[in-house]
C-alpha cells in the first residue's frame, strides 16, 4: 500500500506565495525592521512542517 500525498492546505500555499512575492518586491506594510506579513507566512509554514514531521514520526511508531 502506497501512502497518498496530500496537497498542502491553502493557507500554507498562500504563505509560500507571500514569501515568493517578498523576494521580488516589498508591500506597503514592509518597514526597515521587516514585514509582519512575511513573519506570519514563515510562522505558518514552520508550524505546518512541524505538524507534518510529528505525524510522520507517529506513523512510524505504530
Foldseek 3Di string as FASTA:
>chain_A
DDDDDDDDDPLLVVLVVVCVVVVPDDDPQADPVGHPSNVVSVVVNVVVVVVVVVVVVVVVVD
